[in-house]
C-alpha cells in the first residue's frame, strides 16, 4: 500500500503542507553541516525531520530550482544516512534499536536514549514507504534495516497505564510494525490498546490537558498509523481517535492559540504559541511565522478534522464558555483519582481561562491560567498571565509555578489570590504581551492587538522589558491580581474609543483586595456580575458569582 500523497493534491490543506515543506527545505539548504555530517547536535530527530523535508523538495519538480535539486537530494540522503546509522544495532544491549537524543560532542559516541524511536520509528516507516522508489540503494537498505531493529527491540510492547503521549506512540507503533512484519499478535495488541485508550479518554478526558508539543505526538502517531493502515476496520477506529483529538483541539482553539490551562509547556510554547504547524495546515486562519521550533511531520501527515471541529474552531462569532472535566491518572494509588475542572471563555478576539485546581505535573510545567490572543505572523508573545514562581523557575523563563495561587474564572475576568506563607519568596511574576500600556499606581491598562486589558494588583509593581514581552513583578505577597479583558469593538459599543478612556472607565471600578487571616478579592465585572474569591479559610478557597458558589455540575468530559 502506498501512503496517500496528500501534499500533492490541489486543496488548501495540500497548499499549506507544500508551503511548510518548501520553507523547511530552504532553511535546511542554508544550514552549514557540522563535522559530524549533521546539522544539529541538540536533538537527533531534527536531522531526520529537516532531511526528510529537503529530500521531499529535491524530488519534487516545483519546489527548488532544477540546478539545485541534485545537490539538495545528495545532502538530504547523506544526513538521513548518518542519522539512521546512529541507531544502536547490537541485539541484547541496553536500548537496542534506539537512537541517542543529544549528540554532543561526538554523535557516534552518544548513548542511546528511549525517546527518539517513539515517534521517529513510525515516521521512518512512513518516509520509507512513501519515497522507497526514489531512494538510493544504500539509504533504502539502511532504512529497511533500521525498521527491523526497531521491530525486534519491541520497545512498544507495553501496557496502557497512564493514557499519555508515550503510550499513544506505543499503540500506533504496535499497529504499524505489526502490519509491516506480519505480526498478528502485535496487531491485536495494538487494536486492543487503541480501543482501551479511546474508551478511557472519552469517559475521563485527556489527563495531558493542553499539553504541547506532546498533543501533536498523539496526532502524528495516529495519523501516521491511519495513513499506513491496510485494514479498513482498523483504519476506521484510528479515524475515530483522530476525530476525538481534533474535537479536543477545536474546543480551545483561537486562530492558532491554545486557550486555557496547560499541563506542560516548553519555552517555545510559553508565553507564545509557536508550535502551530499542525494548526496551520488544518485551519489556516492565521499567518505562518518563519520561526518553526517543532517542524516534525506537519508537512507530510494529514487527517481532515471532522466538520464539527472545524466549525467550532473557525466560527467564533459568538463567545463560548468551555467547561471541561478531566480525571487524572495515578496508577497504583487506592484513593480516588483527582477531578480537574478546566474553564475557557473564547471570543473572536481573545480567550481567557485555566484550571481551577493546582496539580503537580511533570517537571512542574503547569500553566494554570492565561489570556490568549490569536497567533500573529511575527511569532509574538500572545499570552497574559500571573503566577507565583515555584520549583524550576528562573528569571526570564516565565514557567514553573508554585502551589500558592487560588483562582476564579468568569468570562473575560480572572481573579487570582496568592496565599504565600511567611518565609517563602513573596514576589509574583506577570507576563504582558507588547502593546500600548498605561502605568498607574497598582494598575496597568493596555491595548494589545484590538483587545483592552485592565490589570490590578494589591501591591506595588515593577516593570522589566524582556526580549518579546513586558514582565511585571510585585513583592509583598500574600495578595492578589485581577484582570479583565474586552475587545475594542465591544468597548466602542460602551462609548470607549481610546486607551485613555478605557483606563478612566476601569480605574473607577477597581477590585477590592483584603489581607489577613482571610485573603480576598471582590470585583464587579463590566457585565455587572459580582465576583468574589477567598483563600486562607478553614474550608479552603471559595469562589462565588453573584453570591452563588461556582457550579461544578456544569463541567462535563
Protein backbone atom coordinates (compact mmCIF):
# COMPACT_ATOMS: atom_id res chain seq x y z
CA UNK A 1 0.00 0.00 0.00
CA UNK A 2 1.34 3.43 -0.92
CA UNK A 3 0.94 6.26 1.58
CA UNK A 4 -1.54 8.89 0.47
CA UNK A 5 0.07 11.79 -1.37
CA UNK A 6 -1.91 14.47 0.46
CA UNK A 7 0.54 17.27 -0.17
CA UNK A 8 0.29 16.80 -3.95
CA UNK A 9 -3.47 17.24 -4.04
CA UNK A 10 -4.96 20.52 -5.18
CA UNK A 11 -6.64 21.72 -1.98
CA UNK A 12 -5.91 24.32 0.72
CA UNK A 13 -4.51 21.72 3.12
CA UNK A 14 -2.08 20.49 0.48
CA UNK A 15 -1.02 24.01 -0.40
CA UNK A 16 -0.22 24.76 3.23
CA UNK A 17 1.71 21.50 3.55
CA UNK A 18 3.73 22.33 0.45
CA UNK A 19 4.48 25.74 1.95
CA UNK A 20 5.88 24.07 5.07
CA UNK A 21 7.93 21.58 3.06
CA UNK A 22 9.44 24.34 0.96
CA UNK A 23 10.18 26.61 3.93
CA UNK A 24 11.93 23.88 5.89
CA UNK A 25 13.79 22.66 2.81
CA UNK A 26 15.12 26.14 2.08
CA UNK A 27 16.16 26.51 5.70
CA UNK A 28 17.92 23.14 5.55
CA UNK A 29 19.74 24.17 2.38
CA UNK A 30 21.13 27.23 4.15
CA UNK A 31 22.32 25.34 7.23
CA UNK A 32 26.03 24.52 7.45
CA UNK A 33 26.87 20.88 8.01
CA UNK A 34 28.87 20.17 11.16
CA UNK A 35 31.97 17.98 11.15
CA UNK A 36 29.73 15.04 12.03
CA UNK A 37 27.88 15.40 8.71
CA UNK A 38 24.74 16.52 10.57
CA UNK A 39 23.05 19.89 11.01
CA UNK A 40 22.04 19.53 14.65
CA UNK A 41 23.54 18.08 17.79
CA UNK A 42 20.74 19.21 20.13
CA UNK A 43 18.17 16.59 19.13
CA UNK A 44 18.80 13.74 16.69
CA UNK A 45 15.22 13.98 15.43
CA UNK A 46 15.78 17.45 13.98
CA UNK A 47 18.25 15.98 11.50
CA UNK A 48 15.66 13.41 10.44
CA UNK A 49 12.90 16.00 10.05
CA UNK A 50 14.92 18.55 8.12
CA UNK A 51 16.48 15.92 5.86
CA UNK A 52 13.03 14.47 5.14
CA UNK A 53 11.77 17.87 4.01
CA UNK A 54 14.85 18.62 1.96
CA UNK A 55 14.57 15.26 0.21
CA UNK A 56 10.86 15.82 -0.47
CA UNK A 57 11.57 19.19 -2.04
CA UNK A 58 14.51 17.81 -4.05
CA UNK A 59 12.45 15.08 -5.72
CA UNK A 60 9.59 17.47 -6.47
CA UNK A 61 9.82 19.35 -9.77
CA UNK A 62 8.38 22.62 -8.48
CA UNK A 63 9.87 23.42 -5.06
CA UNK A 64 13.55 24.03 -5.81
CA UNK A 65 15.34 25.36 -8.89
CA UNK A 66 16.30 22.48 -11.17
CA UNK A 67 20.01 23.26 -10.84
CA UNK A 68 19.83 22.82 -7.04
CA UNK A 69 17.81 19.63 -6.80
CA UNK A 70 20.53 17.03 -7.20
CA UNK A 71 22.81 18.62 -4.61
CA UNK A 72 19.87 19.03 -2.24
CA UNK A 73 18.97 15.38 -2.72
CA UNK A 74 22.53 14.25 -2.04
CA UNK A 75 22.75 16.36 1.10
CA UNK A 76 19.40 15.10 2.37
CA UNK A 77 20.37 11.48 1.76
CA UNK A 78 23.76 11.95 3.44
CA UNK A 79 22.16 13.43 6.56
CA UNK A 80 19.46 10.77 6.63
CA UNK A 81 22.02 8.00 6.30
CA UNK A 82 24.27 9.44 9.02
CA UNK A 83 21.25 9.87 11.30
CA UNK A 84 19.93 6.35 10.74
CA UNK A 85 23.36 4.82 11.37
CA UNK A 86 23.43 6.34 14.87
CA UNK A 87 20.92 3.66 15.88
CA UNK A 88 22.05 1.05 18.41
CA UNK A 89 22.15 -2.04 16.18
CA UNK A 90 23.55 -4.51 18.76
CA UNK A 91 20.88 -7.03 19.87
CA UNK A 92 20.89 -7.78 23.56
CA UNK A 93 22.34 -4.43 24.61
CA UNK A 94 20.54 -1.76 26.59
CA UNK A 95 18.18 0.29 24.41
CA UNK A 96 18.77 -1.88 21.37
CA UNK A 97 17.05 -0.36 18.33
CA UNK A 98 17.15 3.15 19.78
CA UNK A 99 18.95 6.36 18.81
CA UNK A 100 20.75 8.85 21.02
CA UNK A 101 18.87 12.08 21.74
CA UNK A 102 21.51 14.75 22.36
CA UNK A 103 24.58 14.23 20.15
CA UNK A 104 27.30 16.42 21.64
CA UNK A 105 30.24 16.24 21.47
CA UNK A 106 30.58 13.21 19.16
CA UNK A 107 27.32 11.82 17.77
CA UNK A 108 28.70 8.34 17.08
CA UNK A 109 29.73 8.03 20.72
CA UNK A 110 26.43 9.33 22.16
CA UNK A 111 24.49 6.84 24.29
CA UNK A 112 21.09 5.66 23.03
CA UNK A 113 18.00 7.26 24.53
CA UNK A 114 14.48 5.91 24.84
CA UNK A 115 12.66 8.93 23.37
CA UNK A 116 13.60 9.38 19.68
CA UNK A 117 12.39 5.99 18.42
CA UNK A 118 8.93 6.52 19.95
CA UNK A 119 7.86 8.88 17.18
CA UNK A 120 10.77 8.73 14.72
CA UNK A 121 10.44 4.97 14.31
CA UNK A 122 6.89 5.21 12.97
CA UNK A 123 7.66 8.26 10.84
CA UNK A 124 10.65 6.46 9.37
CA UNK A 125 8.32 3.69 8.16
CA UNK A 126 6.07 6.31 6.56
CA UNK A 127 9.00 8.03 4.85
CA UNK A 128 10.44 4.76 3.58
CA UNK A 129 7.05 3.62 2.24
CA UNK A 130 6.35 6.96 0.62
CA UNK A 131 9.73 7.52 -1.07
CA UNK A 132 11.02 3.95 -1.40
CA UNK A 133 11.34 4.07 -5.17
CA UNK A 134 13.27 7.36 -5.14
CA UNK A 135 15.87 6.49 -2.50
CA UNK A 136 19.44 5.49 -3.27
CA UNK A 137 20.16 1.81 -2.74
CA UNK A 138 22.40 2.49 0.28
CA UNK A 139 19.79 4.63 2.06
CA UNK A 140 16.98 2.24 1.20
CA UNK A 141 18.88 -0.66 2.75
CA UNK A 142 19.76 1.40 5.82
CA UNK A 143 16.16 2.44 6.37
CA UNK A 144 14.78 -1.06 5.98
CA UNK A 145 17.48 -2.40 8.29
CA UNK A 146 16.65 0.25 10.89
CA UNK A 147 12.96 -0.68 10.87
CA UNK A 148 13.94 -4.30 11.51
CA UNK A 149 15.97 -3.29 14.54
CA UNK A 150 13.06 -1.19 15.83
CA UNK A 151 10.64 -4.08 15.45
CA UNK A 152 12.94 -6.56 17.17
CA UNK A 153 13.64 -4.11 20.01
CA UNK A 154 9.95 -4.34 20.96
CA UNK A 155 10.10 -1.06 22.89
CA UNK A 156 6.40 -0.50 22.18
CA UNK A 157 5.29 -3.78 23.79
CA UNK A 158 3.92 -2.05 26.88
CA UNK A 159 0.54 -1.89 28.58
CA UNK A 160 -1.55 1.28 28.54
CA UNK A 161 -1.49 2.66 32.09
CA UNK A 162 -1.07 6.45 32.09
CA UNK A 163 -3.02 7.38 28.92
CA UNK A 164 -0.33 9.82 27.89
CA UNK A 165 1.65 10.62 24.78
CA UNK A 166 4.25 7.88 25.28
CA UNK A 167 1.62 5.16 25.26
CA UNK A 168 -0.19 6.78 22.34
CA UNK A 169 3.02 6.42 20.32
CA UNK A 170 3.49 2.82 21.50
CA UNK A 171 -0.05 1.99 20.40
CA UNK A 172 0.44 3.45 16.93
CA UNK A 173 3.79 1.65 16.61
CA UNK A 174 2.16 -1.67 17.51
CA UNK A 175 -0.20 -1.27 14.57
CA UNK A 176 2.45 -0.01 12.15
CA UNK A 177 5.17 -2.56 12.92
CA UNK A 178 2.68 -5.38 13.39
CA UNK A 179 1.42 -4.77 9.86
CA UNK A 180 4.90 -4.25 8.41
CA UNK A 181 6.23 -7.53 9.81
CA UNK A 182 3.07 -9.61 9.66
CA UNK A 183 2.90 -9.94 13.44
CA UNK A 184 -0.77 -10.58 14.10
CA UNK A 185 -0.30 -10.87 17.87
CA UNK A 186 1.27 -7.41 17.93
CA UNK A 187 -1.51 -6.09 15.70
CA UNK A 188 -4.15 -7.45 18.05
CA UNK A 189 -2.38 -5.83 20.99
CA UNK A 190 -2.33 -2.54 19.08
CA UNK A 191 -6.05 -2.68 18.34
CA UNK A 192 -6.83 -3.53 21.97
CA UNK A 193 -4.62 -0.67 23.19
CA UNK A 194 -6.29 1.72 20.76
CA UNK A 195 -9.78 0.69 21.89
CA UNK A 196 -8.77 0.94 25.57
CA UNK A 197 -7.24 4.39 25.13
CA UNK A 198 -10.17 5.76 23.15
CA UNK A 199 -12.66 4.40 25.67
CA UNK A 200 -10.76 5.92 28.59
CA UNK A 201 -10.30 9.43 27.21
CA UNK A 202 -13.92 9.55 26.06
CA UNK A 203 -15.04 8.70 29.59
CA UNK A 204 -12.40 10.52 31.65
CA UNK A 205 -10.89 13.16 29.37
CA UNK A 206 -7.23 13.50 28.41
CA UNK A 207 -5.03 13.75 31.52
CA UNK A 208 -2.48 15.66 29.41
CA UNK A 209 -4.70 18.74 29.06
CA UNK A 210 -3.38 21.36 26.62
CA UNK A 211 -0.01 19.61 26.66
CA UNK A 212 2.25 20.79 23.86
CA UNK A 213 4.16 19.50 21.95
CA UNK A 214 3.00 16.15 23.23
CA UNK A 215 -0.56 16.52 21.96
CA UNK A 216 0.92 16.79 18.47
CA UNK A 217 2.72 13.49 19.06
CA UNK A 218 -0.70 11.91 19.60
CA UNK A 219 -1.89 13.43 16.33
CA UNK A 220 1.22 12.48 14.36
CA UNK A 221 1.42 8.93 15.68
CA UNK A 222 -2.19 8.07 14.96
CA UNK A 223 -2.26 9.94 11.63
CA UNK A 224 0.85 8.02 10.58
CA UNK A 225 -0.84 4.74 11.54
CA UNK A 226 -4.07 5.80 9.77
CA UNK A 227 -2.23 6.62 6.53
CA UNK A 228 -0.35 3.31 6.53
CA UNK A 229 -3.22 1.11 7.67
CA UNK A 230 -4.41 -1.51 5.16
CA UNK A 231 -7.37 -2.86 7.17
CA UNK A 232 -10.44 -0.67 6.67
CA UNK A 233 -11.89 -1.59 10.07
CA UNK A 234 -8.73 -0.67 11.96
CA UNK A 235 -8.38 2.47 9.87
CA UNK A 236 -11.93 3.47 10.82
CA UNK A 237 -11.05 3.02 14.51
CA UNK A 238 -7.97 5.19 14.02
CA UNK A 239 -10.26 7.73 12.36
CA UNK A 240 -12.43 7.77 15.49
CA UNK A 241 -9.37 8.52 17.59
CA UNK A 242 -8.29 11.33 15.26
CA UNK A 243 -11.80 12.78 15.21
CA UNK A 244 -11.72 12.87 19.00
CA UNK A 245 -8.30 14.54 19.09
CA UNK A 246 -9.29 17.26 16.66
CA UNK A 247 -12.51 17.89 18.61
CA UNK A 248 -10.39 18.35 21.73
CA UNK A 249 -8.17 20.76 19.83
CA UNK A 250 -11.09 22.76 18.47
CA UNK A 251 -12.60 23.27 21.94
CA UNK A 252 -9.68 25.50 22.98
CA UNK A 253 -8.70 26.92 19.59
CA UNK A 254 -8.41 30.59 18.70
CA UNK A 255 -6.56 31.29 15.42
CA UNK A 256 -3.52 29.21 16.29
CA UNK A 257 -3.64 29.85 20.04
CA UNK A 258 -4.40 27.15 22.59
CA UNK A 259 -6.59 28.80 25.22
CA UNK A 260 -6.72 27.93 28.88
CA UNK A 261 -4.64 25.67 31.08
CA UNK A 262 -1.69 23.54 30.02
CA UNK A 263 -0.33 20.60 31.97
CA UNK A 264 3.06 21.16 30.37
CA UNK A 265 4.79 23.74 28.23
CA UNK A 266 8.22 24.36 26.80
CA UNK A 267 9.78 27.81 26.21
CA UNK A 268 8.60 27.83 22.59
CA UNK A 269 5.03 27.26 23.82
CA UNK A 270 5.03 29.59 26.84
CA UNK A 271 4.43 32.52 26.78
CA UNK A 272 3.94 32.43 22.99
CA UNK A 273 2.10 29.84 20.89
CA UNK A 274 4.77 28.96 18.32
CA UNK A 275 4.22 25.21 17.88
CA UNK A 276 1.48 25.82 15.33
CA UNK A 277 2.27 23.93 12.12
CA UNK A 278 -0.45 21.28 12.50
CA UNK A 279 -2.98 24.02 13.31
CA UNK A 280 -1.82 25.96 10.28
CA UNK A 281 -2.36 23.02 7.93
CA UNK A 282 -5.73 22.10 9.44
CA UNK A 283 -7.30 25.55 9.91
CA UNK A 284 -5.13 28.07 8.04
CA UNK A 285 -6.75 31.10 9.67
CA UNK A 286 -3.56 32.79 10.89
CA UNK A 287 -0.30 33.77 9.17
CA UNK A 288 2.62 31.32 9.25
CA UNK A 289 5.66 32.68 11.03
CA UNK A 290 9.16 31.88 9.79
CA UNK A 291 10.09 30.54 13.25
CA UNK A 292 9.21 26.84 13.28
CA UNK A 293 10.55 25.32 16.53
CA UNK A 294 8.86 21.92 16.05
CA UNK A 295 8.74 21.05 12.35
CA UNK A 296 8.24 17.30 12.84
CA UNK A 297 5.97 15.86 10.10
CA UNK A 298 3.27 18.52 9.77
CA UNK A 299 4.14 18.92 6.09
CA UNK A 300 3.61 15.22 5.37
CA UNK A 301 0.89 13.72 7.56
CA UNK A 302 -2.69 14.88 7.33
CA UNK A 303 -6.13 13.83 8.53
CA UNK A 304 -9.02 16.18 7.91
CA UNK A 305 -10.75 17.19 11.14
CA UNK A 306 -14.48 16.46 11.34
CA UNK A 307 -16.81 19.22 10.22
CA UNK A 308 -17.96 19.79 13.82
CA UNK A 309 -14.40 20.53 14.92
CA UNK A 310 -13.69 22.83 12.00
CA UNK A 311 -16.93 24.74 12.54
CA UNK A 312 -16.19 25.19 16.26
CA UNK A 313 -12.61 26.31 15.64
CA UNK A 314 -13.27 28.66 12.74
CA UNK A 315 -16.58 30.18 13.84
CA UNK A 316 -16.02 32.41 16.86
CA UNK A 317 -18.69 34.97 16.03
CA UNK A 318 -20.35 34.41 19.41
CA UNK A 319 -18.38 33.95 22.65
CA UNK A 320 -18.44 30.44 24.12
CA UNK A 321 -17.70 29.07 27.57
CA UNK A 322 -15.91 25.72 27.65
CA UNK A 323 -16.31 23.81 30.91
CA UNK A 324 -14.39 20.56 30.78
CA UNK A 325 -13.91 17.82 33.36
CA UNK A 326 -10.80 15.63 33.33
CA UNK A 327 -9.78 12.86 35.70
CA UNK A 328 -6.10 12.45 36.40
CA UNK A 329 -4.44 9.04 36.32
CA UNK A 330 -2.26 7.96 39.24
CA UNK A 331 -1.64 4.22 38.78
CA UNK A 332 -1.21 2.20 41.94
CA UNK A 333 -2.95 4.67 44.26
CA UNK A 334 -6.01 3.36 46.05
CA UNK A 335 -7.52 6.79 46.70
CA UNK A 336 -9.94 8.29 44.19
CA UNK A 337 -8.22 9.97 41.27
CA UNK A 338 -8.46 13.79 41.31
CA UNK A 339 -11.02 15.56 39.15
CA UNK A 340 -9.87 18.67 37.28
CA UNK A 341 -12.18 21.46 36.11
CA UNK A 342 -10.97 23.41 33.10
CA UNK A 343 -12.61 26.68 32.03
CA UNK A 344 -12.19 28.79 28.91
CA UNK A 345 -14.07 31.80 27.59
CA UNK A 346 -13.36 32.19 23.88
CA UNK A 347 -14.32 35.18 21.72
CA UNK A 348 -13.25 36.11 18.20
CA UNK A 349 -10.60 38.47 19.64
CA UNK A 350 -9.24 36.82 22.77
CA UNK A 351 -9.69 33.88 25.13
CA UNK A 352 -9.33 33.56 28.89
CA UNK A 353 -9.32 30.67 31.31
CA UNK A 354 -7.46 27.90 33.01
CA UNK A 355 -7.67 25.14 35.57
CA UNK A 356 -9.44 25.65 38.88
CA UNK A 357 -7.24 23.14 40.71
CA UNK A 358 -3.50 23.14 41.25
CA UNK A 359 -1.90 19.82 40.20
CA UNK A 360 1.69 18.65 40.34
CA UNK A 361 2.67 17.98 36.73
CA UNK A 362 5.83 16.56 35.17
CA UNK A 363 8.79 18.95 35.53
CA UNK A 364 6.40 21.36 37.29
CA UNK A 365 5.42 22.82 33.91
CA UNK A 366 1.75 23.55 34.54
CA UNK A 367 0.42 26.83 33.14
CA UNK A 368 -2.54 27.40 35.46
CA UNK A 369 -4.32 30.19 33.57
CA UNK A 370 -3.80 32.74 30.83
CA UNK A 371 -5.39 35.17 28.43
CA UNK A 372 -4.64 34.24 24.83
CA UNK A 373 -4.58 36.38 21.70
CA UNK A 374 -4.60 34.97 18.15
CA UNK A 375 -1.23 33.94 16.74
CA UNK A 376 0.47 36.64 14.69
CA UNK A 377 2.78 36.20 11.75
CA UNK A 378 5.66 37.59 13.79
CA UNK A 379 5.63 34.89 16.46
CA UNK A 380 4.91 37.50 19.14
CA UNK A 381 4.04 36.64 22.72
CA UNK A 382 0.28 36.22 22.73
CA UNK A 383 -0.41 35.36 26.39
CA UNK A 384 -1.03 37.40 29.52
CA UNK A 385 -0.87 35.71 32.93
CA UNK A 386 0.47 35.90 36.50
CA UNK A 387 1.93 33.25 38.80
CA UNK A 388 4.00 32.69 41.91
CA UNK A 389 7.33 31.09 40.95
CA UNK A 390 7.97 27.54 42.11
CA UNK A 391 10.46 24.74 41.67
CA UNK A 392 12.46 25.08 38.45
CA UNK A 393 11.75 28.77 37.91
CA UNK A 394 14.48 31.08 36.69
CA UNK A 395 14.27 34.73 35.72
CA UNK A 396 13.41 35.28 32.06
CA UNK A 397 11.67 31.90 31.68
CA UNK A 398 8.09 32.57 32.87
CA UNK A 399 7.13 28.97 33.67
CA UNK A 400 7.31 26.67 36.72
CA UNK A 401 4.63 27.89 39.10
CA UNK A 402 4.22 27.23 42.81
CA UNK A 403 1.11 25.89 44.53
CA UNK A 404 0.37 29.27 46.13
CA UNK A 405 -2.45 30.53 43.93
CA UNK A 406 -6.25 30.37 44.02
CA UNK A 407 -8.39 31.43 41.07
CA UNK A 408 -11.81 32.49 39.87
CA UNK A 409 -12.72 32.48 36.18
CA UNK A 410 -15.76 34.21 34.72
CA UNK A 411 -15.96 35.18 31.07
CA UNK A 412 -13.38 37.92 30.41
CA UNK A 413 -12.31 38.21 34.05
CA UNK A 414 -9.80 36.29 36.14
CA UNK A 415 -9.28 36.84 39.87
CA UNK A 416 -6.19 35.27 41.44
CA UNK A 417 -5.01 35.25 45.04
CA UNK A 418 -1.53 34.32 46.24
CA UNK A 419 -1.62 32.99 49.83
CA UNK A 420 2.17 32.86 50.06
CA UNK A 421 3.22 31.61 53.52
CA UNK A 422 5.57 33.59 55.73
CA UNK A 423 9.20 32.82 54.95
CA UNK A 424 8.58 31.92 51.28
CA UNK A 425 9.63 34.08 48.33
CA UNK A 426 6.86 36.68 48.28
CA UNK A 427 7.09 38.04 44.70
CA UNK A 428 4.67 37.16 41.91
CA UNK A 429 5.52 37.40 38.22
CA UNK A 430 3.33 38.51 35.32
CA UNK A 431 3.66 38.43 31.54
CA UNK A 432 2.20 41.23 29.43
CA UNK A 433 2.26 40.97 25.63
CA UNK A 434 3.72 44.02 23.95
CA UNK A 435 1.28 46.79 23.06
CA UNK A 436 0.26 50.19 24.40
CA UNK A 437 0.28 50.16 28.20
CA UNK A 438 -0.59 52.93 30.69
CA UNK A 439 1.00 52.62 34.13
CA UNK A 440 -0.92 53.71 37.21
CA UNK A 441 -0.49 53.00 40.90
CA UNK A 442 -1.10 49.25 41.38
CA UNK A 443 -2.76 49.10 37.95
CA UNK A 444 -1.91 48.71 34.26
CA UNK A 445 -4.24 49.40 31.34
CA UNK A 446 -3.35 48.13 27.90
CA UNK A 447 -4.47 47.89 24.29
CA UNK A 448 -2.93 44.90 22.55
CA UNK A 449 -3.96 43.87 19.04
CA UNK A 450 -7.52 45.09 19.35
CA UNK A 451 -8.11 43.99 22.96
CA UNK A 452 -8.19 46.17 26.08
CA UNK A 453 -6.79 44.76 29.32
CA UNK A 454 -7.19 46.10 32.85
CA UNK A 455 -4.69 44.63 35.33
CA UNK A 456 -4.96 45.44 39.04
CA UNK A 457 -2.51 44.36 41.73
CA UNK A 458 -2.86 44.51 45.50
CA UNK A 459 0.80 45.58 45.78
CA UNK A 460 3.15 47.99 44.06
CA UNK A 461 4.80 46.55 40.96
CA UNK A 462 7.88 46.90 38.79
CA UNK A 463 8.16 46.52 35.01
CA UNK A 464 11.05 44.87 33.19
CA UNK A 465 11.31 44.80 29.40
CA UNK A 466 12.12 41.30 28.20
CA UNK A 467 13.02 40.46 24.61
CA UNK A 468 9.45 39.85 23.49
CA UNK A 469 7.18 40.76 26.42
CA UNK A 470 6.86 43.01 29.47
CA UNK A 471 7.49 41.35 32.83
CA UNK A 472 5.60 42.52 35.91
CA UNK A 473 6.86 41.71 39.40
CA UNK A 474 5.04 42.53 42.63
CA UNK A 475 6.58 41.80 46.02
CA UNK A 476 4.95 41.69 49.43
CA UNK A 477 2.55 38.81 48.94
CA UNK A 478 0.11 37.49 50.23
CA UNK A 479 -2.04 39.49 47.85
CA UNK A 480 -3.85 39.27 44.58
CA UNK A 481 -4.15 40.17 40.92
CA UNK A 482 -7.34 40.80 38.93
CA UNK A 483 -7.60 41.08 35.16
CA UNK A 484 -10.48 41.95 32.85
CA UNK A 485 -10.36 41.99 29.05
CA UNK A 486 -12.74 43.38 26.47
CA UNK A 487 -12.45 43.61 22.69
CA UNK A 488 -12.02 47.13 21.36
CA UNK A 489 -15.10 46.72 19.17
CA UNK A 490 -17.23 45.77 22.20
CA UNK A 491 -15.73 48.61 24.24
CA UNK A 492 -16.70 51.05 21.46
CA UNK A 493 -20.33 49.97 21.91
CA UNK A 494 -19.97 51.12 25.53
CA UNK A 495 -18.64 54.52 24.42
CA UNK A 496 -14.95 53.71 24.96
CA UNK A 497 -12.86 54.67 21.93
CA UNK A 498 -9.30 55.01 23.27
CA UNK A 499 -6.93 53.52 25.81
CA UNK A 500 -7.16 56.69 27.89
CA UNK A 501 -10.95 56.42 28.00
CA UNK A 502 -10.70 52.74 28.88
CA UNK A 503 -8.27 53.46 31.73
CA UNK A 504 -10.53 56.22 33.06
CA UNK A 505 -13.60 53.99 32.96
CA UNK A 506 -11.94 50.96 34.52
CA UNK A 507 -9.99 52.85 37.19
CA UNK A 508 -13.35 53.85 38.65
CA UNK A 509 -14.27 50.20 39.29
CA UNK A 510 -11.12 48.78 40.83
CA UNK A 511 -11.41 45.48 42.70
CA UNK A 512 -11.15 45.39 46.47
CA UNK A 513 -8.38 43.25 47.94
CA UNK A 514 -8.20 42.39 51.65
CA UNK A 515 -5.43 40.60 53.52
CA UNK A 516 -5.29 38.97 56.91
CA UNK A 517 -6.50 35.62 58.21
CA UNK A 518 -8.70 35.56 55.12
CA UNK A 519 -7.30 36.76 51.79
CA UNK A 520 -9.97 38.01 49.39
CA UNK A 521 -10.68 39.81 46.15
CA UNK A 522 -14.02 41.25 45.10
CA UNK A 523 -14.82 42.82 41.74
CA UNK A 524 -17.87 43.80 39.74
CA UNK A 525 -17.17 42.93 36.12
CA UNK A 526 -18.14 45.11 33.17
CA UNK A 527 -21.09 42.83 32.54
CA UNK A 528 -22.40 43.57 36.04
CA UNK A 529 -21.60 40.26 37.73
CA UNK A 530 -20.19 40.40 41.26
CA UNK A 531 -17.17 38.11 41.63
CA UNK A 532 -15.67 37.15 44.99
CA UNK A 533 -12.71 34.90 45.78
CA UNK A 534 -11.45 33.97 49.23
CA UNK A 535 -8.41 31.98 50.36
CA UNK A 536 -6.94 31.07 53.70
CA UNK A 537 -10.18 30.00 55.38
CA UNK A 538 -10.51 26.75 57.29
CA UNK A 539 -12.71 25.43 54.49
CA UNK A 540 -10.19 26.25 51.78
CA UNK A 541 -10.72 28.62 48.83
CA UNK A 542 -14.24 29.73 47.95
CA UNK A 543 -15.34 31.34 44.70
CA UNK A 544 -18.74 32.89 44.09
CA UNK A 545 -20.50 34.71 41.26
CA UNK A 546 -23.37 36.98 42.31
CA UNK A 547 -23.29 35.37 45.75
CA UNK A 548 -23.64 31.81 44.42
CA UNK A 549 -20.84 29.21 44.52
CA UNK A 550 -19.37 28.03 41.22
CA UNK A 551 -21.38 25.08 39.88
CA UNK A 552 -19.20 22.04 39.19
CA UNK A 553 -22.25 20.27 37.76
CA UNK A 554 -21.81 22.31 34.58
CA UNK A 555 -18.42 20.69 33.83
CA UNK A 556 -18.53 17.67 31.52
CA UNK A 557 -15.91 15.43 29.93
